[in-house]
PDB file of N, CA and C in Angstrom:
ATOM      1  N   MET A   1       0.851  -1.185   0.000  1.00  0.00           N
ATOM      2  CA  MET A   1       0.000   0.000   0.000  1.00  0.00           C
ATOM      3  C   MET A   1       0.892   1.243   0.000  1.00  0.00           C
ATOM      4  N   ALA A   2       0.556   2.193  -0.826  1.00  0.00           N
ATOM      5  CA  ALA A   2       1.311   3.435  -0.926  1.00  0.00           C
ATOM      6  C   ALA A   2       0.797   4.461   0.071  1.00  0.00           C
ATOM      7  N   LEU A   3       1.688   5.319   0.496  1.00  0.00           N
ATOM      8  CA  LEU A   3       1.326   6.417   1.395  1.00  0.00           C
ATOM      9  C   LEU A   3       0.347   7.348   0.708  1.00  0.00           C
ATOM     10  N   GLU A   4      -0.764   7.644   1.381  1.00  0.00           N
ATOM     11  CA  GLU A   4      -1.760   8.570   0.829  1.00  0.00           C
ATOM     12  C   GLU A   4      -1.945   9.735   1.783  1.00  0.00           C
ATOM     13  N   ILE A   5      -1.730  10.949   1.295  1.00  0.00           N
ATOM     14  CA  ILE A   5      -1.968  12.155   2.079  1.00  0.00           C
ATOM     15  C   ILE A   5      -2.977  12.972   1.295  1.00  0.00           C
ATOM     16  N   GLU A   6      -4.067  13.353   1.964  1.00  0.00           N
ATOM     17  CA  GLU A   6      -5.095  14.113   1.262  1.00  0.00           C
ATOM     18  C   GLU A   6      -5.635  15.236   2.133  1.00  0.00           C
ATOM     19  N   GLN A   7      -6.308  16.163   1.527  1.00  0.00           N
ATOM     20  CA  GLN A   7      -6.887  17.324   2.204  1.00  0.00           C
ATOM     21  C   GLN A   7      -8.109  16.914   3.027  1.00  0.00           C
ATOM     22  N   SER A   8      -8.299  17.532   4.191  1.00  0.00           N
ATOM     23  CA  SER A   8      -9.523  17.350   4.956  1.00  0.00           C
ATOM     24  C   SER A   8     -10.688  17.889   4.133  1.00  0.00           C
ATOM     25  N   PRO A   9     -11.905  17.356   4.332  1.00  0.00           N
ATOM     26  CA  PRO A   9     -13.049  17.812   3.526  1.00  0.00           C
ATOM     27  C   PRO A   9     -13.357  19.306   3.659  1.00  0.00           C
ATOM     28  N   ARG A  10     -13.261  19.858   4.856  1.00  0.00           N
ATOM     29  CA  ARG A  10     -13.495  21.297   5.060  1.00  0.00           C
ATOM     30  C   ARG A  10     -12.520  21.760   6.129  1.00  0.00           C
ATOM     31  N   PRO A  11     -11.239  22.025   5.757  1.00  0.00           N
ATOM     32  CA  PRO A  11     -10.192  22.292   6.736  1.00  0.00           C
ATOM     33  C   PRO A  11     -10.238  23.678   7.382  1.00  0.00           C
ATOM     34  N   GLU A  12     -10.976  24.615   6.798  1.00  0.00           N
ATOM     35  CA  GLU A  12     -11.034  25.972   7.344  1.00  0.00           C
ATOM     36  C   GLU A  12     -12.318  26.153   8.148  1.00  0.00           C
ATOM     37  N   TRP A  13     -12.254  27.024   9.167  1.00  0.00           N
ATOM     38  CA  TRP A  13     -13.447  27.352   9.937  1.00  0.00           C
ATOM     39  C   TRP A  13     -14.455  28.029   9.018  1.00  0.00           C
ATOM     40  N   SER A  14     -15.707  27.593   9.087  1.00  0.00           N
ATOM     41  CA  SER A  14     -16.788  28.242   8.344  1.00  0.00           C
ATOM     42  C   SER A  14     -18.088  28.060   9.114  1.00  0.00           C
ATOM     43  N   SER A  15     -19.017  28.981   8.900  1.00  0.00           N
ATOM     44  CA  SER A  15     -20.310  28.911   9.592  1.00  0.00           C
ATOM     45  C   SER A  15     -21.024  27.620   9.221  1.00  0.00           C
ATOM     46  N   LEU A  16     -21.743  27.057  10.186  1.00  0.00           N
ATOM     47  CA  LEU A  16     -22.506  25.849   9.891  1.00  0.00           C
ATOM     48  C   LEU A  16     -23.607  26.184   8.891  1.00  0.00           C
ATOM     49  N   PRO A  17     -23.801  25.333   7.910  1.00  0.00           N
ATOM     50  CA  PRO A  17     -24.741  25.638   6.826  1.00  0.00           C
ATOM     51  C   PRO A  17     -26.181  25.208   7.092  1.00  0.00           C
ATOM     52  N   PHE A  18     -26.638  25.339   8.334  1.00  0.00           N
ATOM     53  CA  PHE A  18     -27.991  24.910   8.674  1.00  0.00           C
ATOM     54  C   PHE A  18     -28.783  26.081   9.238  1.00  0.00           C
ATOM     55  N   GLU A  19     -30.022  26.211   8.800  1.00  0.00           N
ATOM     56  CA  GLU A  19     -30.888  27.235   9.359  1.00  0.00           C
ATOM     57  C   GLU A  19     -31.092  26.928  10.837  1.00  0.00           C
ATOM     58  N   GLY A  20     -31.020  27.941  11.679  1.00  0.00           N
ATOM     59  CA  GLY A  20     -31.161  27.732  13.115  1.00  0.00           C
ATOM     60  C   GLY A  20     -29.841  27.617  13.851  1.00  0.00           C
ATOM     61  N   CYS A  21     -28.727  27.492  13.122  1.00  0.00           N
ATOM     62  CA  CYS A  21     -27.403  27.480  13.743  1.00  0.00           C
ATOM     63  C   CYS A  21     -26.890  28.919  13.728  1.00  0.00           C
ATOM     64  N   VAL A  22     -26.562  29.431  14.916  1.00  0.00           N
ATOM     65  CA  VAL A  22     -26.129  30.819  15.049  1.00  0.00           C
ATOM     66  C   VAL A  22     -24.864  30.859  15.898  1.00  0.00           C
ATOM     67  N   GLY A  23     -23.840  31.586  15.437  1.00  0.00           N
ATOM     68  CA  GLY A  23     -22.627  31.763  16.218  1.00  0.00           C
ATOM     69  C   GLY A  23     -21.819  30.496  16.392  1.00  0.00           C
ATOM     70  N   VAL A  24     -21.888  29.585  15.405  1.00  0.00           N
ATOM     71  CA  VAL A  24     -21.139  28.324  15.474  1.00  0.00           C
ATOM     72  C   VAL A  24     -20.409  28.123  14.151  1.00  0.00           C
ATOM     73  N   ASP A  25     -19.093  27.912  14.238  1.00  0.00           N
ATOM     74  CA  ASP A  25     -18.269  27.592  13.080  1.00  0.00           C
ATOM     75  C   ASP A  25     -17.824  26.147  13.196  1.00  0.00           C
ATOM     76  N   GLY A  26     -17.519  25.540  12.074  1.00  0.00           N
ATOM     77  CA  GLY A  26     -17.071  24.157  12.087  1.00  0.00           C
ATOM     78  C   GLY A  26     -15.974  23.884  11.091  1.00  0.00           C
ATOM     79  N   LYS A  27     -15.264  22.788  11.331  1.00  0.00           N
ATOM     80  CA  LYS A  27     -14.277  22.225  10.408  1.00  0.00           C
ATOM     81  C   LYS A  27     -14.611  20.751  10.280  1.00  0.00           C
ATOM     82  N   VAL A  28     -14.711  20.256   9.063  1.00  0.00           N
ATOM     83  CA  VAL A  28     -14.906  18.825   8.854  1.00  0.00           C
ATOM     84  C   VAL A  28     -13.514  18.217   8.675  1.00  0.00           C
ATOM     85  N   LEU A  29     -13.121  17.391   9.633  1.00  0.00           N
ATOM     86  CA  LEU A  29     -11.776  16.811   9.605  1.00  0.00           C
ATOM     87  C   LEU A  29     -11.722  15.531   8.783  1.00  0.00           C
ATOM     88  N   VAL A  30     -12.749  14.677   8.953  1.00  0.00           N
ATOM     89  CA  VAL A  30     -12.783  13.387   8.256  1.00  0.00           C
ATOM     90  C   VAL A  30     -14.223  13.076   7.868  1.00  0.00           C
ATOM     91  N   ARG A  31     -14.398  12.624   6.642  1.00  0.00           N
ATOM     92  CA  ARG A  31     -15.689  12.103   6.182  1.00  0.00           C
ATOM     93  C   ARG A  31     -15.359  10.833   5.400  1.00  0.00           C
ATOM     94  N   GLU A  32     -15.514   9.705   6.069  1.00  0.00           N
ATOM     95  CA  GLU A  32     -15.173   8.405   5.487  1.00  0.00           C
ATOM     96  C   GLU A  32     -16.377   7.483   5.591  1.00  0.00           C
ATOM     97  N   TRP A  33     -16.294   6.367   4.911  1.00  0.00           N
ATOM     98  CA  TRP A  33     -17.319   5.352   5.048  1.00  0.00           C
ATOM     99  C   TRP A  33     -17.318   4.869   6.495  1.00  0.00           C
ATOM    100  N   GLY A  34     -18.408   5.060   7.197  1.00  0.00           N
ATOM    101  CA  GLY A  34     -18.529   4.570   8.567  1.00  0.00           C
ATOM    102  C   GLY A  34     -18.371   5.614   9.646  1.00  0.00           C
ATOM    103  N   PHE A  35     -17.740   6.769   9.349  1.00  0.00           N
ATOM    104  CA  PHE A  35     -17.612   7.784  10.391  1.00  0.00           C
ATOM    105  C   PHE A  35     -17.366   9.178   9.825  1.00  0.00           C
ATOM    106  N   PHE A  36     -17.641  10.157  10.682  1.00  0.00           N
ATOM    107  CA  PHE A  36     -17.537  11.580  10.351  1.00  0.00           C
ATOM    108  C   PHE A  36     -16.978  12.266  11.593  1.00  0.00           C
ATOM    109  N   ILE A  37     -15.952  13.116  11.450  1.00  0.00           N
ATOM    110  CA  ILE A  37     -15.364  13.821  12.580  1.00  0.00           C
ATOM    111  C   ILE A  37     -15.305  15.306  12.253  1.00  0.00           C
ATOM    112  N   ALA A  38     -15.774  16.138  13.185  1.00  0.00           N
ATOM    113  CA  ALA A  38     -15.772  17.587  12.977  1.00  0.00           C
ATOM    114  C   ALA A  38     -15.442  18.307  14.278  1.00  0.00           C
ATOM    115  N   LEU A  39     -14.859  19.494  14.150  1.00  0.00           N
ATOM    116  CA  LEU A  39     -14.670  20.412  15.271  1.00  0.00           C
ATOM    117  C   LEU A  39     -15.747  21.489  15.177  1.00  0.00           C
ATOM    118  N   LEU A  40     -16.326  21.869  16.307  1.00  0.00           N
ATOM    119  CA  LEU A  40     -17.291  22.962  16.354  1.00  0.00           C
ATOM    120  C   LEU A  40     -16.778  24.011  17.324  1.00  0.00           C
ATOM    121  N   ARG A  41     -16.899  25.273  16.942  1.00  0.00           N
ATOM    122  CA  ARG A  41     -16.448  26.392  17.769  1.00  0.00           C
ATOM    123  C   ARG A  41     -17.647  27.311  18.006  1.00  0.00           C
ATOM    124  N   PHE A  42     -18.028  27.439  19.279  1.00  0.00           N
ATOM    125  CA  PHE A  42     -19.196  28.223  19.671  1.00  0.00           C
ATOM    126  C   PHE A  42     -18.782  29.576  20.222  1.00  0.00           C
ATOM    127  N   GLN A  43     -19.400  30.625  19.720  1.00  0.00           N
ATOM    128  CA  GLN A  43     -19.256  31.953  20.295  1.00  0.00           C
ATOM    129  C   GLN A  43     -20.190  32.028  21.508  1.00  0.00           C
ATOM    130  N   PRO A  44     -20.054  33.059  22.366  1.00  0.00           N
ATOM    131  CA  PRO A  44     -21.031  33.223  23.440  1.00  0.00           C
ATOM    132  C   PRO A  44     -22.439  33.290  22.838  1.00  0.00           C
ATOM    133  N   ASP A  45     -23.349  32.525  23.392  1.00  0.00           N
ATOM    134  CA  ASP A  45     -24.745  32.435  22.946  1.00  0.00           C
ATOM    135  C   ASP A  45     -24.887  31.827  21.553  1.00  0.00           C
ATOM    136  N   GLY A  46     -23.938  30.976  21.179  1.00  0.00           N
ATOM    137  CA  GLY A  46     -24.041  30.223  19.931  1.00  0.00           C
ATOM    138  C   GLY A  46     -24.965  29.034  20.109  1.00  0.00           C
ATOM    139  N   THR A  47     -25.582  28.576  19.019  1.00  0.00           N
ATOM    140  CA  THR A  47     -26.489  27.442  19.140  1.00  0.00           C
ATOM    141  C   THR A  47     -26.536  26.595  17.873  1.00  0.00           C
ATOM    142  N   VAL A  48     -26.635  25.302  18.074  1.00  0.00           N
ATOM    143  CA  VAL A  48     -26.994  24.357  17.027  1.00  0.00           C
ATOM    144  C   VAL A  48     -28.440  23.984  17.332  1.00  0.00           C
ATOM    145  N   HIS A  49     -29.321  24.225  16.384  1.00  0.00           N
ATOM    146  CA  HIS A  49     -30.755  24.008  16.563  1.00  0.00           C
ATOM    147  C   HIS A  49     -31.075  22.567  16.983  1.00  0.00           C
ATOM    148  N   GLU A  50     -32.222  22.405  17.606  1.00  0.00           N
ATOM    149  CA  GLU A  50     -32.658  21.060  17.995  1.00  0.00           C
ATOM    150  C   GLU A  50     -33.079  20.294  16.748  1.00  0.00           C
ATOM    151  N   HIS A  51     -32.603  19.072  16.645  1.00  0.00           N
ATOM    152  CA  HIS A  51     -32.941  18.226  15.503  1.00  0.00           C
ATOM    153  C   HIS A  51     -32.628  16.773  15.846  1.00  0.00           C
ATOM    154  N   PRO A  52     -33.339  15.829  15.226  1.00  0.00           N
ATOM    155  CA  PRO A  52     -32.981  14.415  15.402  1.00  0.00           C
ATOM    156  C   PRO A  52     -31.825  14.086  14.473  1.00  0.00           C
ATOM    157  N   GLY A  53     -30.874  13.324  14.946  1.00  0.00           N
ATOM    158  CA  GLY A  53     -29.729  12.951  14.130  1.00  0.00           C
ATOM    159  C   GLY A  53     -30.002  11.691  13.332  1.00  0.00           C
ATOM    160  N   LEU A  54     -29.335  11.592  12.205  1.00  0.00           N
ATOM    161  CA  LEU A  54     -29.473  10.410  11.360  1.00  0.00           C
ATOM    162  C   LEU A  54     -28.644   9.235  11.866  1.00  0.00           C
ATOM    163  N   ASN A  55     -27.672   9.543  12.765  1.00  0.00           N
ATOM    164  CA  ASN A  55     -26.736   8.520  13.237  1.00  0.00           C
ATOM    165  C   ASN A  55     -26.425   8.726  14.713  1.00  0.00           C
ATOM    166  N   ASP A  56     -25.906   7.688  15.367  1.00  0.00           N
ATOM    167  CA  ASP A  56     -25.394   7.828  16.728  1.00  0.00           C
ATOM    168  C   ASP A  56     -24.197   8.773  16.691  1.00  0.00           C
ATOM    169  N   THR A  57     -24.121   9.678  17.686  1.00  0.00           N
ATOM    170  CA  THR A  57     -23.083  10.697  17.704  1.00  0.00           C
ATOM    171  C   THR A  57     -22.527  10.862  19.113  1.00  0.00           C
ATOM    172  N   VAL A  58     -21.223  11.102  19.212  1.00  0.00           N
ATOM    173  CA  VAL A  58     -20.575  11.439  20.470  1.00  0.00           C
ATOM    174  C   VAL A  58     -19.992  12.841  20.308  1.00  0.00           C
ATOM    175  N   VAL A  59     -20.268  13.719  21.285  1.00  0.00           N
ATOM    176  CA  VAL A  59     -19.731  15.076  21.278  1.00  0.00           C
ATOM    177  C   VAL A  59     -18.871  15.241  22.521  1.00  0.00           C
ATOM    178  N   ILE A  60     -17.620  15.649  22.336  1.00  0.00           N
ATOM    179  CA  ILE A  60     -16.668  15.834  23.424  1.00  0.00           C
ATOM    180  C   ILE A  60     -16.364  17.319  23.539  1.00  0.00           C
ATOM    181  N   CYS A  61     -16.562  17.900  24.712  1.00  0.00           N
ATOM    182  CA  CYS A  61     -16.204  19.297  24.943  1.00  0.00           C
ATOM    183  C   CYS A  61     -14.699  19.328  25.201  1.00  0.00           C
ATOM    184  N   ILE A  62     -13.963  20.055  24.343  1.00  0.00           N
ATOM    185  CA  ILE A  62     -12.510  20.088  24.512  1.00  0.00           C
ATOM    186  C   ILE A  62     -12.018  21.408  25.097  1.00  0.00           C
ATOM    187  N   GLU A  63     -12.859  22.456  25.041  1.00  0.00           N
ATOM    188  CA  GLU A  63     -12.527  23.740  25.673  1.00  0.00           C
ATOM    189  C   GLU A  63     -13.809  24.445  26.051  1.00  0.00           C
ATOM    190  N   GLY A  64     -13.783  25.137  27.186  1.00  0.00           N
ATOM    191  CA  GLY A  64     -14.922  25.949  27.605  1.00  0.00           C
ATOM    192  C   GLY A  64     -16.049  25.126  28.181  1.00  0.00           C
ATOM    193  N   GLU A  65     -17.264  25.660  28.036  1.00  0.00           N
ATOM    194  CA  GLU A  65     -18.440  24.958  28.551  1.00  0.00           C
ATOM    195  C   GLU A  65     -19.682  25.452  27.825  1.00  0.00           C
ATOM    196  N   GLY A  66     -20.698  24.623  27.856  1.00  0.00           N
ATOM    197  CA  GLY A  66     -21.963  24.954  27.218  1.00  0.00           C
ATOM    198  C   GLY A  66     -23.059  24.041  27.737  1.00  0.00           C
ATOM    199  N   TRP A  67     -24.068  23.865  26.916  1.00  0.00           N
ATOM    200  CA  TRP A  67     -25.247  23.085  27.290  1.00  0.00           C
ATOM    201  C   TRP A  67     -25.623  22.142  26.159  1.00  0.00           C
ATOM    202  N   THR A  68     -26.266  21.052  26.525  1.00  0.00           N
ATOM    203  CA  THR A  68     -26.806  20.111  25.554  1.00  0.00           C
ATOM    204  C   THR A  68     -28.161  19.642  26.041  1.00  0.00           C
ATOM    205  N   SER A  69     -28.971  19.199  25.111  1.00  0.00           N
ATOM    206  CA  SER A  69     -30.224  18.540  25.486  1.00  0.00           C
ATOM    207  C   SER A  69     -30.386  17.319  24.607  1.00  0.00           C
ATOM    208  N   VAL A  70     -30.975  16.293  25.182  1.00  0.00           N
ATOM    209  CA  VAL A  70     -31.272  15.054  24.477  1.00  0.00           C
ATOM    210  C   VAL A  70     -32.687  14.663  24.879  1.00  0.00           C
ATOM    211  N   ALA A  71     -33.571  14.565  23.913  1.00  0.00           N
ATOM    212  CA  ALA A  71     -34.970  14.205  24.165  1.00  0.00           C
ATOM    213  C   ALA A  71     -35.594  15.120  25.215  1.00  0.00           C
ATOM    214  N   GLY A  72     -35.223  16.408  25.191  1.00  0.00           N
ATOM    215  CA  GLY A  72     -35.799  17.381  26.112  1.00  0.00           C
ATOM    216  C   GLY A  72     -35.120  17.483  27.458  1.00  0.00           C
ATOM    217  N   GLU A  73     -34.197  16.567  27.771  1.00  0.00           N
ATOM    218  CA  GLU A  73     -33.465  16.633  29.043  1.00  0.00           C
ATOM    219  C   GLU A  73     -32.210  17.476  28.841  1.00  0.00           C
ATOM    220  N   ARG A  74     -32.040  18.515  29.661  1.00  0.00           N
ATOM    221  CA  ARG A  74     -30.967  19.497  29.520  1.00  0.00           C
ATOM    222  C   ARG A  74     -29.852  19.243  30.537  1.00  0.00           C
ATOM    223  N   GLY A  75     -28.594  19.450  30.107  1.00  0.00           N
ATOM    224  CA  GLY A  75     -27.466  19.315  31.021  1.00  0.00           C
ATOM    225  C   GLY A  75     -26.291  20.145  30.554  1.00  0.00           C
ATOM    226  N   GLN A  76     -25.452  20.555  31.510  1.00  0.00           N
ATOM    227  CA  GLN A  76     -24.261  21.334  31.179  1.00  0.00           C
ATOM    228  C   GLN A  76     -23.131  20.394  30.793  1.00  0.00           C
ATOM    229  N   ILE A  77     -22.307  20.832  29.835  1.00  0.00           N
ATOM    230  CA  ILE A  77     -21.145  20.053  29.405  1.00  0.00           C
ATOM    231  C   ILE A  77     -19.923  20.957  29.485  1.00  0.00           C
ATOM    232  N   ARG A  78     -18.851  20.430  30.098  1.00  0.00           N
ATOM    233  CA  ARG A  78     -17.618  21.202  30.309  1.00  0.00           C
ATOM    234  C   ARG A  78     -16.439  20.474  29.680  1.00  0.00           C
ATOM    235  N   ALA A  79     -15.315  21.196  29.543  1.00  0.00           N
ATOM    236  CA  ALA A  79     -14.106  20.607  28.973  1.00  0.00           C
ATOM    237  C   ALA A  79     -13.792  19.276  29.649  1.00  0.00           C
ATOM    238  N   GLY A  80     -13.532  18.265  28.837  1.00  0.00           N
ATOM    239  CA  GLY A  80     -13.211  16.936  29.344  1.00  0.00           C
ATOM    240  C   GLY A  80     -14.426  16.035  29.500  1.00  0.00           C
ATOM    241  N   GLU A  81     -15.615  16.537  29.196  1.00  0.00           N
ATOM    242  CA  GLU A  81     -16.834  15.737  29.312  1.00  0.00           C
ATOM    243  C   GLU A  81     -17.399  15.453  27.925  1.00  0.00           C
ATOM    244  N   LEU A  82     -18.191  14.381  27.835  1.00  0.00           N
ATOM    245  CA  LEU A  82     -18.804  14.037  26.567  1.00  0.00           C
ATOM    246  C   LEU A  82     -20.263  13.674  26.755  1.00  0.00           C
ATOM    247  N   VAL A  83     -20.992  13.754  25.663  1.00  0.00           N
ATOM    248  CA  VAL A  83     -22.406  13.391  25.655  1.00  0.00           C
ATOM    249  C   VAL A  83     -22.647  12.519  24.425  1.00  0.00           C
ATOM    250  N   ARG A  84     -23.570  11.582  24.556  1.00  0.00           N
ATOM    251  CA  ARG A  84     -23.955  10.703  23.443  1.00  0.00           C
ATOM    252  C   ARG A  84     -25.354  11.089  22.972  1.00  0.00           C
ATOM    253  N   TRP A  85     -25.483  11.240  21.668  1.00  0.00           N
ATOM    254  CA  TRP A  85     -26.789  11.521  21.068  1.00  0.00           C
ATOM    255  C   TRP A  85     -27.214  10.301  20.265  1.00  0.00           C
ATOM    256  N   PRO A  86     -28.258   9.603  20.698  1.00  0.00           N
ATOM    257  CA  PRO A  86     -28.717   8.441  19.932  1.00  0.00           C
ATOM    258  C   PRO A  86     -29.385   8.846  18.616  1.00  0.00           C
ATOM    259  N   LYS A  87     -29.279   7.982  17.653  1.00  0.00           N
ATOM    260  CA  LYS A  87     -29.911   8.156  16.349  1.00  0.00           C
ATOM    261  C   LYS A  87     -31.410   8.433  16.512  1.00  0.00           C
ATOM    262  N   ASP A  88     -31.926   9.369  15.730  1.00  0.00           N
ATOM    263  CA  ASP A  88     -33.353   9.692  15.650  1.00  0.00           C
ATOM    264  C   ASP A  88     -33.931  10.358  16.897  1.00  0.00           C
ATOM    265  N   VAL A  89     -33.095  10.750  17.860  1.00  0.00           N
ATOM    266  CA  VAL A  89     -33.567  11.414  19.081  1.00  0.00           C
ATOM    267  C   VAL A  89     -33.215  12.904  18.985  1.00  0.00           C
ATOM    268  N   PRO A  90     -34.185  13.811  19.177  1.00  0.00           N
ATOM    269  CA  PRO A  90     -33.881  15.245  19.101  1.00  0.00           C
ATOM    270  C   PRO A  90     -32.810  15.649  20.115  1.00  0.00           C
ATOM    271  N   HIS A  91     -31.866  16.451  19.650  1.00  0.00           N
ATOM    272  CA  HIS A  91     -30.775  16.932  20.506  1.00  0.00           C
ATOM    273  C   HIS A  91     -30.412  18.348  20.094  1.00  0.00           C
ATOM    274  N   ARG A  92     -29.699  19.019  20.979  1.00  0.00           N
ATOM    275  CA  ARG A  92     -29.296  20.404  20.736  1.00  0.00           C
ATOM    276  C   ARG A  92     -27.987  20.658  21.477  1.00  0.00           C
ATOM    277  N   LEU A  93     -27.210  21.663  21.029  1.00  0.00           N
ATOM    278  CA  LEU A  93     -25.955  22.055  21.677  1.00  0.00           C
ATOM    279  C   LEU A  93     -25.861  23.570  21.601  1.00  0.00           C
ATOM    280  N   TRP A  94     -25.524  24.241  22.735  1.00  0.00           N
ATOM    281  CA  TRP A  94     -25.482  25.703  22.744  1.00  0.00           C
ATOM    282  C   TRP A  94     -24.652  26.225  23.908  1.00  0.00           C
ATOM    283  N   THR A  95     -24.369  27.537  23.852  1.00  0.00           N
ATOM    284  CA  THR A  95     -23.680  28.209  24.951  1.00  0.00           C
ATOM    285  C   THR A  95     -24.544  29.357  25.457  1.00  0.00           C
ATOM    286  N   GLU A  96     -24.329  29.711  26.697  1.00  0.00           N
ATOM    287  CA  GLU A  96     -25.047  30.828  27.325  1.00  0.00           C
ATOM    288  C   GLU A  96     -24.003  31.776  27.909  1.00  0.00           C
ATOM    289  N   GLY A  97     -23.499  32.688  27.070  1.00  0.00           N
ATOM    290  CA  GLY A  97     -22.516  33.666  27.518  1.00  0.00           C
ATOM    291  C   GLY A  97     -21.099  33.142  27.622  1.00  0.00           C
ATOM    292  N   THR A  98     -20.849  31.917  27.202  1.00  0.00           N
ATOM    293  CA  THR A  98     -19.507  31.324  27.252  1.00  0.00           C
ATOM    294  C   THR A  98     -19.091  30.899  25.841  1.00  0.00           C
ATOM    295  N   GLU A  99     -17.828  30.568  25.695  1.00  0.00           N
ATOM    296  CA  GLU A  99     -17.328  29.994  24.458  1.00  0.00           C
ATOM    297  C   GLU A  99     -17.081  28.509  24.687  1.00  0.00           C
ATOM    298  N   MET A 100     -17.090  27.746  23.601  1.00  0.00           N
ATOM    299  CA  MET A 100     -16.877  26.305  23.726  1.00  0.00           C
ATOM    300  C   MET A 100     -16.357  25.771  22.401  1.00  0.00           C
ATOM    301  N   LYS A 101     -15.467  24.770  22.492  1.00  0.00           N
ATOM    302  CA  LYS A 101     -15.041  23.999  21.327  1.00  0.00           C
ATOM    303  C   LYS A 101     -15.374  22.543  21.599  1.00  0.00           C
ATOM    304  N   THR A 102     -15.894  21.865  20.571  1.00  0.00           N
ATOM    305  CA  THR A 102     -16.233  20.456  20.724  1.00  0.00           C
ATOM    306  C   THR A 102     -15.667  19.649  19.558  1.00  0.00           C
ATOM    307  N   LEU A 103     -15.482  18.380  19.812  1.00  0.00           N
ATOM    308  CA  LEU A 103     -15.107  17.418  18.795  1.00  0.00           C
ATOM    309  C   LEU A 103     -16.298  16.482  18.645  1.00  0.00           C
ATOM    310  N   MET A 104     -16.797  16.340  17.421  1.00  0.00           N
ATOM    311  CA  MET A 104     -17.974  15.521  17.177  1.00  0.00           C
ATOM    312  C   MET A 104     -17.579  14.303  16.344  1.00  0.00           C
ATOM    313  N   PHE A 105     -17.986  13.134  16.812  1.00  0.00           N
ATOM    314  CA  PHE A 105     -17.726  11.880  16.116  1.00  0.00           C
ATOM    315  C   PHE A 105     -19.070  11.234  15.830  1.00  0.00           C
ATOM    316  N   GLU A 106     -19.355  11.020  14.557  1.00  0.00           N
ATOM    317  CA  GLU A 106     -20.643  10.453  14.159  1.00  0.00           C
ATOM    318  C   GLU A 106     -20.404   9.156  13.396  1.00  0.00           C
ATOM    319  N   GLN A 107     -21.106   8.095  13.799  1.00  0.00           N
ATOM    320  CA  GLN A 107     -21.035   6.839  13.066  1.00  0.00           C
ATOM    321  C   GLN A 107     -22.020   6.933  11.910  1.00  0.00           C
ATOM    322  N   THR A 108     -21.561   6.596  10.732  1.00  0.00           N
ATOM    323  CA  THR A 108     -22.439   6.677   9.565  1.00  0.00           C
ATOM    324  C   THR A 108     -22.525   5.325   8.872  1.00  0.00           C
ATOM    325  N   SER A 109     -23.550   5.182   8.071  1.00  0.00           N
ATOM    326  CA  SER A 109     -23.695   3.944   7.309  1.00  0.00           C
ATOM    327  C   SER A 109     -23.784   4.250   5.823  1.00  0.00           C
ATOM    328  N   GLN A 110     -23.377   5.456   5.464  1.00  0.00           N
ATOM    329  CA  GLN A 110     -23.448   5.855   4.059  1.00  0.00           C
ATOM    330  C   GLN A 110     -22.090   6.285   3.552  1.00  0.00           C
ATOM    331  N   ALA A 111     -21.963   6.319   2.243  1.00  0.00           N
ATOM    332  CA  ALA A 111     -20.718   6.745   1.620  1.00  0.00           C
ATOM    333  C   ALA A 111     -20.517   8.242   1.838  1.00  0.00           C
ATOM    334  N   PRO A 112     -19.259   8.692   1.888  1.00  0.00           N
ATOM    335  CA  PRO A 112     -18.981  10.119   2.073  1.00  0.00           C
ATOM    336  C   PRO A 112     -19.500  10.971   0.921  1.00  0.00           C
TER     337      PRO A 112
END
């Protein structure tokens, strides 16, 4: 096998392309068959709208703190903590006057 080096799918910070997402930038690090990895950067009072996910997802807070909800249950998430979002269950991620960076890992069953 030969060494393969390739560009990340979206290596630069850019606003999330979803209606209802405010004050959140992302980088897509990996989009492969079976998984998706992204960094999210939240400004104070940034939000990712509530929505059901197509896949099981793990979100790890790597800096700062914010809030998450899963099926209407709300909890705070801080650096070094993670939350699991089950497939098809409404979830949300946001900050209230703080900044936060997260690493998101999503298991997928579709081609990139």
